C-alpha atoms as a PDB file:
ATOM      1  CA  MET A   1     -30.656  -1.219 -45.071  1.00  0.00           C
ATOM      2  CA  LYS A   2     -28.727   1.906 -43.989  1.00  0.00           C
ATOM      3  CA  THR A   3     -29.504   1.134 -40.365  1.00  0.00           C
ATOM      4  CA  ILE A   4     -28.085  -2.393 -40.642  1.00  0.00           C
ATOM      5  CA  ILE A   5     -24.882  -1.199 -42.317  1.00  0.00           C
ATOM      6  CA  LEU A   6     -24.471   1.599 -39.771  1.00  0.00           C
ATOM      7  CA  THR A   7     -24.986  -0.894 -36.915  1.00  0.00           C
ATOM      8  CA  ILE A   8     -22.380  -3.274 -38.360  1.00  0.00           C
ATOM      9  CA  ILE A   9     -19.833  -0.464 -38.840  1.00  0.00           C
ATOM     10  CA  THR A  10     -20.445   0.873 -35.337  1.00  0.00           C
ATOM     11  CA  GLY A  11     -20.070  -2.605 -33.860  1.00  0.00           C
ATOM     12  CA  ALA A  12     -16.827  -3.173 -35.775  1.00  0.00           C
ATOM     13  CA  CYS A  13     -15.421   0.150 -34.553  1.00  0.00           C
ATOM     14  CA  ILE A  14     -16.302  -0.614 -30.946  1.00  0.00           C
ATOM     15  CA  PHE A  15     -14.760  -4.097 -31.221  1.00  0.00           C
ATOM     16  CA  ALA A  16     -11.570  -2.650 -32.753  1.00  0.00           C
ATOM     17  CA  TRP A  17     -11.345  -0.072 -29.954  1.00  0.00           C
ATOM     18  CA  ILE A  18     -11.759  -2.730 -27.246  1.00  0.00           C
ATOM     19  CA  VAL A  19      -9.157  -5.157 -28.611  1.00  0.00           C
ATOM     20  CA  THR A  20      -6.539  -2.499 -29.385  1.00  0.00           C
ATOM     21  CA  ARG A  21      -6.647  -0.434 -26.208  1.00  0.00           C
ATOM     22  CA  PRO A  22      -3.687  -0.985 -23.894  1.00  0.00           C
ATOM     23  CA  TYR A  23      -4.118  -2.918 -20.677  1.00  0.00           C
ATOM     24  CA  ALA A  24      -3.475  -1.061 -17.456  1.00  0.00           C
ATOM     25  CA  THR A  25      -0.251  -2.198 -15.864  1.00  0.00           C
ATOM     26  CA  PRO A  26      -0.664  -3.411 -12.301  1.00  0.00           C
ATOM     27  CA  PRO A  27       1.043  -1.286  -9.651  1.00  0.00           C
ATOM     28  CA  PRO A  28       4.419  -2.567  -8.438  1.00  0.00           C
ATOM     29  CA  THR A  29       4.513  -4.578  -5.248  1.00  0.00           C
ATOM     30  CA  VAL A  30       7.318  -5.582  -2.897  1.00  0.00           C
ATOM     31  CA  THR A  31       7.475  -8.206  -0.157  1.00  0.00           C
ATOM     32  CA  VAL A  32       9.127  -7.051   3.058  1.00  0.00           C
ATOM     33  CA  THR A  33       9.334  -7.871   6.749  1.00  0.00           C
ATOM     34  CA  ALA A  34       6.948  -5.800   8.854  1.00  0.00           C
ATOM     35  CA  SER A  35       7.151  -5.023  12.554  1.00  0.00           C
ATOM     36  CA  TRP A  36       4.968  -2.841  14.759  1.00  0.00           C
ATOM     37  CA  TYR A  37       5.281  -0.129  17.360  1.00  0.00           C
ATOM     38  CA  GLY A  38       2.706   0.987  19.876  1.00  0.00           C
ATOM     39  CA  ASP A  39       2.188   2.418  23.328  1.00  0.00           C
ATOM     40  CA  GLU A  40       5.897   2.938  24.042  1.00  0.00           C
ATOM     41  CA  CYS A  41       5.907   5.624  21.318  1.00  0.00           C
ATOM     42  CA  ALA A  42       2.418   7.043  21.923  1.00  0.00           C
ATOM     43  CA  GLY A  43       2.433  10.817  22.183  1.00  0.00           C
ATOM     44  CA  ASN A  44       5.878  11.213  20.585  1.00  0.00           C
ATOM     45  CA  LEU A  45       6.255  13.325  17.471  1.00  0.00           C
ATOM     46  CA  THR A  46       6.699  11.399  14.238  1.00  0.00           C
ATOM     47  CA  ALA A  47       9.138  12.494  11.539  1.00  0.00           C
ATOM     48  CA  SER A  48       6.241  14.228   9.766  1.00  0.00           C
ATOM     49  CA  GLY A  49       5.488  16.300  12.879  1.00  0.00           C
ATOM     50  CA  GLU A  50       2.305  14.435  13.830  1.00  0.00           C
ATOM     51  CA  VAL A  51       1.772  13.026  17.287  1.00  0.00           C
ATOM     52  CA  PHE A  52       2.004   9.217  17.103  1.00  0.00           C
ATOM     53  CA  GLU A  53      -1.207   7.408  17.995  1.00  0.00           C
ATOM     54  CA  PRO A  54      -0.964   3.570  17.985  1.00  0.00           C
ATOM     55  CA  ARG A  55      -4.715   3.255  17.284  1.00  0.00           C
ATOM     56  CA  ASN A  56      -4.392   5.031  13.918  1.00  0.00           C
ATOM     57  CA  MET A  57      -3.706   3.210  10.646  1.00  0.00           C
ATOM     58  CA  THR A  58      -0.238   4.622  10.050  1.00  0.00           C
ATOM     59  CA  CYS A  59       3.265   3.375   9.333  1.00  0.00           C
ATOM     60  CA  ALA A  60       6.923   4.280   9.275  1.00  0.00           C
ATOM     61  CA  MET A  61       8.756   3.692   6.027  1.00  0.00           C
ATOM     62  CA  TRP A  62      11.856   4.926   4.191  1.00  0.00           C
ATOM     63  CA  THR A  63      11.718   3.637   0.625  1.00  0.00           C
ATOM     64  CA  PHE A  64       9.703   1.585  -1.857  1.00  0.00           C
ATOM     65  CA  ASN A  65      11.703  -0.161  -4.604  1.00  0.00           C
ATOM     66  CA  GLY A  66      14.649   2.046  -3.699  1.00  0.00           C
ATOM     67  CA  GLU A  67      12.718   5.321  -4.101  1.00  0.00           C
ATOM     68  CA  PRO A  68      11.925   7.645  -1.160  1.00  0.00           C
ATOM     69  CA  VAL A  69       8.322   7.484   0.041  1.00  0.00           C
ATOM     70  CA  PRO A  70       6.759  10.908   0.776  1.00  0.00           C
ATOM     71  CA  PHE A  71       4.785  11.496   3.955  1.00  0.00           C
ATOM     72  CA  GLY A  72       1.069  11.016   3.359  1.00  0.00           C
ATOM     73  CA  THR A  73       1.553   8.178   0.851  1.00  0.00           C
ATOM     74  CA  ARG A  74      -1.072   5.471   1.233  1.00  0.00           C
ATOM     75  CA  ILE A  75       0.193   1.885   1.239  1.00  0.00           C
ATOM     76  CA  ARG A  76      -1.805  -1.337   0.901  1.00  0.00           C
ATOM     77  CA  VAL A  77      -0.272  -3.911   3.249  1.00  0.00           C
ATOM     78  CA  GLN A  78      -1.339  -7.512   2.605  1.00  0.00           C
ATOM     79  CA  LEU A  79      -0.813 -10.736   4.531  1.00  0.00           C
ATOM     80  CA  GLY A  80      -2.581 -13.589   2.756  1.00  0.00           C
ATOM     81  CA  PRO A  81      -6.227 -12.589   2.224  1.00  0.00           C
ATOM     82  CA  ARG A  82      -6.081  -9.822   4.861  1.00  0.00           C
ATOM     83  CA  PHE A  83      -5.018  -6.296   4.064  1.00  0.00           C
ATOM     84  CA  VAL A  84      -4.985  -2.825   5.583  1.00  0.00           C
ATOM     85  CA  ILE A  85      -4.418   0.612   4.125  1.00  0.00           C
ATOM     86  CA  VAL A  86      -1.980   2.750   6.065  1.00  0.00           C
ATOM     87  CA  ARG A  87      -0.587   6.253   5.674  1.00  0.00           C
ATOM     88  CA  VAL A  88       3.138   6.995   5.914  1.00  0.00           C
ATOM     89  CA  ASN A  89       3.712   9.540   8.698  1.00  0.00           C
ATOM     90  CA  ASP A  90       7.084   8.489  10.099  1.00  0.00           C
ATOM     91  CA  ARG A  91      10.518   7.224   9.092  1.00  0.00           C
ATOM     92  CA  GLY A  92      11.726   3.822  10.056  1.00  0.00           C
ATOM     93  CA  PRO A  93      12.330   1.092  10.786  1.00  0.00           C
ATOM     94  CA  ALA A  94      15.995   1.407  11.683  1.00  0.00           C
ATOM     95  CA  LYS A  95      17.841   0.445   8.503  1.00  0.00           C
ATOM     96  CA  ARG A  96      20.156  -1.916  10.387  1.00  0.00           C
ATOM     97  CA  LEU A  97      17.139  -4.083  11.309  1.00  0.00           C
ATOM     98  CA  LYS A  98      16.524  -4.996   7.637  1.00  0.00           C
ATOM     99  CA  ARG A  99      12.775  -4.482   7.878  1.00  0.00           C
ATOM    100  CA  GLY A 100      10.729  -2.738   5.229  1.00  0.00           C
ATOM    101  CA  ILE A 101       7.939  -1.164   7.254  1.00  0.00           C
ATOM    102  CA  ASP A 102       6.894  -0.457  10.843  1.00  0.00           C
ATOM    103  CA  LEU A 103       3.129  -0.579  11.285  1.00  0.00           C
ATOM    104  CA  SER A 104       1.135   1.016  14.063  1.00  0.00           C
ATOM    105  CA  ARG A 105      -0.176  -1.506  16.586  1.00  0.00           C
ATOM    106  CA  ALA A 106      -3.719  -1.160  15.184  1.00  0.00           C
ATOM    107  CA  ALA A 107      -2.630  -1.842  11.602  1.00  0.00           C
ATOM    108  CA  PHE A 108      -0.487  -4.848  12.580  1.00  0.00           C
ATOM    109  CA  ALA A 109      -3.279  -6.294  14.741  1.00  0.00           C
ATOM    110  CA  LYS A 110      -5.674  -6.310  11.752  1.00  0.00           C
ATOM    111  CA  LEU A 111      -3.211  -8.548   9.900  1.00  0.00           C
ATOM    112  CA  ALA A 112      -1.779 -10.817  12.620  1.00  0.00           C
ATOM    113  CA  ASP A 113      -1.491 -11.324  16.350  1.00  0.00           C
ATOM    114  CA  THR A 114       0.903  -8.727  17.769  1.00  0.00           C
ATOM    115  CA  ASP A 115       2.683 -11.583  19.587  1.00  0.00           C
ATOM    116  CA  ALA A 116       4.001 -12.610  16.150  1.00  0.00           C
ATOM    117  CA  GLY A 117       6.296  -9.574  16.246  1.00  0.00           C
ATOM    118  CA  LEU A 118       7.453  -9.854  12.630  1.00  0.00           C
ATOM    119  CA  ILE A 119       5.512 -10.856   9.520  1.00  0.00           C
ATOM    120  CA  LYS A 120       6.207 -10.984   5.774  1.00  0.00           C
ATOM    121  CA  VAL A 121       3.818  -8.678   3.928  1.00  0.00           C
ATOM    122  CA  LYS A 122       3.214  -7.507   0.384  1.00  0.00           C
ATOM    123  CA  LEU A 123       3.207  -3.709  -0.100  1.00  0.00           C
ATOM    124  CA  THR A 124       1.525  -1.745  -2.868  1.00  0.00           C
ATOM    125  CA  ILE A 125       1.575   2.040  -3.154  1.00  0.00           C
ATOM    126  CA  LEU A 126      -1.911   3.425  -3.798  1.00  0.00           C
ATOM    127  CA  PRO A 127      -2.641   6.373  -6.102  1.00  0.00           C
END
């Protein structure tokens, strides 16, 4: 009898814990225009001091939701069902161009044909 009562109490406690725990809030996302840069910048120093390599999964970015984005931040870039994970190692694009992110050629090519030039993507900062 004790075992049955203990089992019922334990089950009730576990149920109460499950239904009362807070849900994790999804990370914020933004939709921006993305462009790409490649061989014309290969070998140049990025704003972080790294040498730019168009075959790496990197990007240039200023802000996310109005907040500065530190170098080394990992960003999930999604176009429809396709996505890539890039690392911020440069600043750009030029603010006057009204674009949110410049992707390396390799990152852009995983999402769309580089002939597209510009694409609308959804960005999520990763932990």
